Amino acid sequence: MVIADFSEHGQELSKQLNTDGYDTLFLKTDVTKEEEVKHMITETVKQYGKLDIMFANVGIANDNVAHELTFEQWKRTIDINLSGVFLSNKYAIEQMLKQGKGGVIVNSGSIHSYAGKKGVTAYSSAKGGVKLLTQTLTVTYAKEGIRVNAVCPGYIDTPLIAGADTEMRQHLINLHPLGRLGKPEEVKSCLIFS
């Protein structure tokens, strides 16, 4: 298994998994840089001989209402949340087509792939793009045996929202009929099914 991450958290996770008996390779990767994404695929194939599954799980949330959102904030969010998914999918598909045995791609969408929310301008635009990108790739590569799916959860208790203040956290909790944030292991079950 390859863990590709821009932060050192990915390296820490890889070390922990290796300690627990898994065989993981950490590759520091900035998904906004095409050459780094290509390198991620090349190194994966070098290490494991093939690429069977790609989980494109990228996302930042540095957002605002449109008239207060800087173009730089917009571009960075789109570059990571949408273009990063596109590049990961593009080069995974290229490798899977070379292998000729199909494969699986799962993209990380969001509730905001389907529903807008005040002040979530760039993030929802990017995640809406992930939804349509996924649907397009699904119908384009199905006959080659490449399944492309997206998991689009509500708010999950992850580092992405860990920095939210108490009031915002409670607001996010109140948006869920269960009265709590989703848990990463609940999303994991969907990913395994995909």
Protein backbone atom coordinates (compact mmCIF):
# COMPACT_ATOMS: atom_id res chain seq x y z
CA MET A 1 0.00 0.00 0.00
CA VAL A 2 1.20 3.50 -0.83
CA ILE A 3 0.37 6.52 1.28
CA ALA A 4 0.90 9.73 -0.66
CA ASP A 5 0.56 12.90 1.33
CA PHE A 6 1.88 16.44 1.27
CA SER A 7 2.24 16.54 5.05
CA GLU A 8 4.43 14.54 7.37
CA HIS A 9 1.28 12.97 8.85
CA GLY A 10 1.32 10.48 5.98
CA GLN A 11 4.83 9.41 6.85
CA GLU A 12 3.87 8.92 10.50
CA LEU A 13 0.87 6.83 9.45
CA SER A 14 3.04 4.73 7.13
CA LYS A 15 5.55 4.05 9.92
CA GLN A 16 2.76 3.05 12.29
CA LEU A 17 1.20 0.69 9.74
CA ASN A 18 4.59 -0.89 9.00
CA THR A 19 5.09 -1.40 12.75
CA ASP A 20 1.67 -3.11 12.81
CA GLY A 21 2.79 -5.57 10.12
CA TYR A 22 1.56 -3.87 6.94
CA ASP A 23 3.75 -3.21 3.91
CA THR A 24 3.42 0.51 3.16
CA LEU A 25 5.44 2.99 1.20
CA PHE A 26 5.20 6.72 1.93
CA LEU A 27 5.58 9.13 -0.98
CA LYS A 28 5.54 12.85 -0.25
CA THR A 29 3.25 14.16 -2.99
CA ASP A 30 1.75 17.51 -3.87
CA VAL A 31 -1.28 16.59 -5.99
CA THR A 32 -1.27 20.02 -7.63
CA LYS A 33 2.02 19.17 -9.33
CA GLU A 34 1.61 16.86 -12.31
CA GLU A 35 5.16 15.49 -12.15
CA GLU A 36 4.71 14.50 -8.49
CA VAL A 37 1.47 12.65 -9.27
CA LYS A 38 3.19 10.83 -12.15
CA HIS A 39 6.05 9.95 -9.79
CA MET A 40 3.54 8.60 -7.24
CA ILE A 41 2.13 6.17 -9.83
CA THR A 42 5.56 5.18 -11.18
CA GLU A 43 6.94 4.47 -7.71
CA THR A 44 3.82 2.50 -6.77
CA VAL A 45 4.25 0.24 -9.80
CA LYS A 46 8.00 -0.05 -9.17
CA GLN A 47 7.38 -1.17 -5.58
CA TYR A 48 4.32 -3.40 -6.05
CA GLY A 49 4.32 -4.29 -9.75
CA LYS A 50 0.89 -2.86 -10.50
CA LEU A 51 -1.82 -0.43 -9.44
CA ASP A 52 -5.17 -1.98 -8.52
CA ILE A 53 -6.88 0.72 -6.44
CA MET A 54 -6.59 4.49 -6.21
CA PHE A 55 -8.28 6.36 -3.36
CA ALA A 56 -8.11 10.04 -4.26
CA ASN A 57 -8.74 11.55 -0.85
CA VAL A 58 -7.64 15.17 -1.02
CA GLY A 59 -9.16 18.25 0.48
CA ILE A 60 -8.64 21.60 2.09
CA ALA A 61 -11.29 23.98 3.35
CA ASN A 62 -10.11 27.57 3.38
CA ASP A 63 -13.30 29.21 2.22
CA ASN A 64 -15.54 32.24 2.46
CA VAL A 65 -18.50 33.93 0.80
CA ALA A 66 -17.70 34.73 -2.83
CA HIS A 67 -17.22 38.49 -2.50
CA GLU A 68 -14.71 37.98 0.33
CA LEU A 69 -12.92 34.99 -1.16
CA THR A 70 -9.61 35.90 -2.74
CA PHE A 71 -8.77 34.49 -6.14
CA GLU A 72 -5.69 32.87 -4.60
CA GLN A 73 -7.86 31.05 -2.02
CA TRP A 74 -10.22 29.98 -4.83
CA LYS A 75 -7.38 28.68 -7.02
CA ARG A 76 -5.66 26.80 -4.20
CA THR A 77 -8.90 25.06 -3.18
CA ILE A 78 -9.77 24.13 -6.78
CA ASP A 79 -6.17 23.04 -7.50
CA ILE A 80 -6.09 20.65 -4.54
CA ASN A 81 -9.71 19.50 -4.26
CA LEU A 82 -10.52 19.12 -7.96
CA SER A 83 -7.38 19.27 -10.09
CA GLY A 84 -5.55 17.01 -7.63
CA VAL A 85 -8.31 14.41 -7.97
CA PHE A 86 -8.24 14.78 -11.76
CA LEU A 87 -4.47 14.23 -11.96
CA SER A 88 -4.61 11.25 -9.61
CA ASN A 89 -7.43 9.72 -11.66
CA LYS A 90 -5.79 10.49 -15.01
CA TYR A 91 -2.52 8.76 -14.21
CA ALA A 92 -4.18 5.88 -12.36
CA ILE A 93 -6.38 5.23 -15.39
CA GLU A 94 -3.39 5.44 -17.70
CA GLN A 95 -1.62 2.76 -15.64
CA MET A 96 -4.73 0.58 -15.34
CA LEU A 97 -5.23 0.69 -19.11
CA LYS A 98 -1.60 -0.41 -19.60
CA GLN A 99 -2.17 -3.33 -17.23
CA GLY A 100 -5.33 -4.33 -19.12
CA LYS A 101 -7.03 -5.85 -16.08
CA GLY A 102 -9.27 -3.02 -14.93
CA GLY A 103 -9.07 -1.43 -11.51
CA VAL A 104 -10.90 0.66 -8.96
CA ILE A 105 -10.81 4.38 -8.30
CA VAL A 106 -12.64 5.94 -5.37
CA ASN A 107 -12.79 9.71 -5.16
CA SER A 108 -13.43 11.67 -2.00
CA GLY A 109 -16.44 13.89 -2.53
CA SER A 110 -18.57 15.55 0.11
CA ILE A 111 -22.12 16.40 1.06
CA HIS A 112 -21.15 19.60 -0.76
CA SER A 113 -20.89 17.62 -3.99
CA TYR A 114 -24.70 17.80 -3.84
CA ALA A 115 -25.71 20.61 -1.48
CA GLY A 116 -24.53 24.17 -1.17
CA LYS A 117 -23.99 25.91 2.15
CA LYS A 118 -23.52 29.59 2.83
CA GLY A 119 -19.86 30.58 2.68
CA VAL A 120 -18.66 27.27 1.25
CA THR A 121 -17.91 28.69 -2.19
CA ALA A 122 -14.72 27.15 -3.53
CA TYR A 123 -14.95 23.88 -1.59
CA SER A 124 -18.48 23.07 -2.81
CA SER A 125 -17.56 24.09 -6.37
CA ALA A 126 -14.58 21.73 -6.29
CA LYS A 127 -16.48 18.84 -4.70
CA GLY A 128 -19.34 19.31 -7.17
CA GLY A 129 -16.71 19.00 -9.88
CA VAL A 130 -15.43 15.78 -8.28
CA LYS A 131 -18.96 14.33 -8.50
CA LEU A 132 -19.27 15.09 -12.21
CA LEU A 133 -15.69 14.06 -12.94
CA THR A 134 -16.43 10.72 -11.27
CA GLN A 135 -19.63 10.21 -13.25
CA THR A 136 -17.88 11.05 -16.52
CA LEU A 137 -14.98 8.69 -15.86
CA THR A 138 -17.41 5.96 -14.79
CA VAL A 139 -19.19 5.91 -18.13
CA THR A 140 -15.97 6.45 -20.10
CA TYR A 141 -13.94 3.55 -18.65
CA ALA A 142 -16.55 1.00 -17.53
CA LYS A 143 -15.99 -1.21 -20.58
CA GLU A 144 -12.27 -1.38 -19.72
CA GLY A 145 -13.19 -2.79 -16.32
CA ILE A 146 -12.24 0.36 -14.42
CA ARG A 147 -14.81 1.20 -11.75
CA VAL A 148 -14.86 4.84 -10.67
CA ASN A 149 -16.92 5.76 -7.61
CA ALA A 150 -17.14 8.65 -5.19
CA VAL A 151 -17.91 8.63 -1.50
CA CYS A 152 -19.71 11.83 -0.49
CA PRO A 153 -20.14 11.92 3.29
CA GLY A 154 -21.50 14.65 5.51
CA TYR A 155 -19.22 16.22 8.10
CA ILE A 156 -16.72 13.70 9.45
CA ASP A 157 -14.71 14.13 12.63
CA THR A 158 -11.31 14.52 10.93
CA PRO A 159 -8.44 17.01 11.05
CA LEU A 160 -10.20 18.99 8.28
CA ILE A 161 -12.72 20.31 10.82
CA ALA A 162 -10.70 19.78 14.00
CA GLY A 163 -9.74 23.46 14.04
CA ALA A 164 -13.36 24.61 14.17
CA ASP A 165 -14.31 26.57 17.27
CA THR A 166 -16.90 25.15 19.69
CA GLU A 167 -19.79 27.10 18.17
CA MET A 168 -18.98 26.01 14.60
CA ARG A 169 -18.45 22.41 15.68
CA GLN A 170 -21.88 22.38 17.35
CA HIS A 171 -23.41 23.92 14.23
CA LEU A 172 -21.94 21.11 12.13
CA ILE A 173 -23.18 18.50 14.59
CA ASN A 174 -26.69 20.01 14.44
CA LEU A 175 -26.76 19.55 10.66
CA HIS A 176 -26.81 15.76 11.14
CA PRO A 177 -30.02 13.92 12.07
CA LEU A 178 -27.92 11.55 14.22
CA GLY A 179 -26.89 14.49 16.38
CA ARG A 180 -23.17 13.85 15.89
CA LEU A 181 -20.41 14.08 13.32
CA GLY A 182 -19.68 11.07 11.18
CA LYS A 183 -16.77 8.81 12.10
CA PRO A 184 -13.87 7.91 9.80
CA GLU A 185 -14.54 4.19 10.27
CA GLU A 186 -18.06 4.68 8.89
CA VAL A 187 -16.61 6.12 5.69
CA LYS A 188 -14.06 3.28 5.61
CA SER A 189 -16.92 0.78 5.33
CA CYS A 190 -18.23 2.60 2.23
CA LEU A 191 -14.76 2.66 0.70
CA ILE A 192 -14.29 -1.08 1.15
CA PHE A 193 -17.67 -1.68 -0.49
CA SER A 194 -16.74 0.57 -3.44
